[in-house]
């Protein structure tokens, strides 16, 4: 992680459960800042200085991770409840955080949820300047009718 990114952190501590394989863990929360991993991913670690350090992903869970920052209009946060309620109906889970006076939400999109519908809802809200969102990790496969992989 780069401390020069918007969040200002050079590392992140994640919840994880140990597996039967030495030095492998399953991520138990949606990462707030780390890119490229999601809830449920199985990761390899190395013990350094008394802390577990991420090496690489061993197996993907099929989850995706999105980050959302509400927009401010005249200093007032624009409500995101309608968008978040829709995402709940899609099976998404949320974790909230705050850096200084900037709140944000991390969204876990489970593998059995429609990542396409979730993405489009967030994109529409972003386009309407209700919020800003980014994809931290896209763990869902492309739609079956997506022919771009064959080109």
Foldseek 3Di string as FASTA:
>chain_A
DDCPPPQNDPDDDFDWDDDPDPQKTATCAQDPDAFDAGHGFIFGWDQDPNDTHTDGTPGHQQKWKKKKWFADDPNHGQDPVVLVVVVVVQVKDWDWDDDPPTIMIMIIRGNSGDPVVNVVSQVVCVVVRRIDMDTRHRSHDPDPPDCVVVD
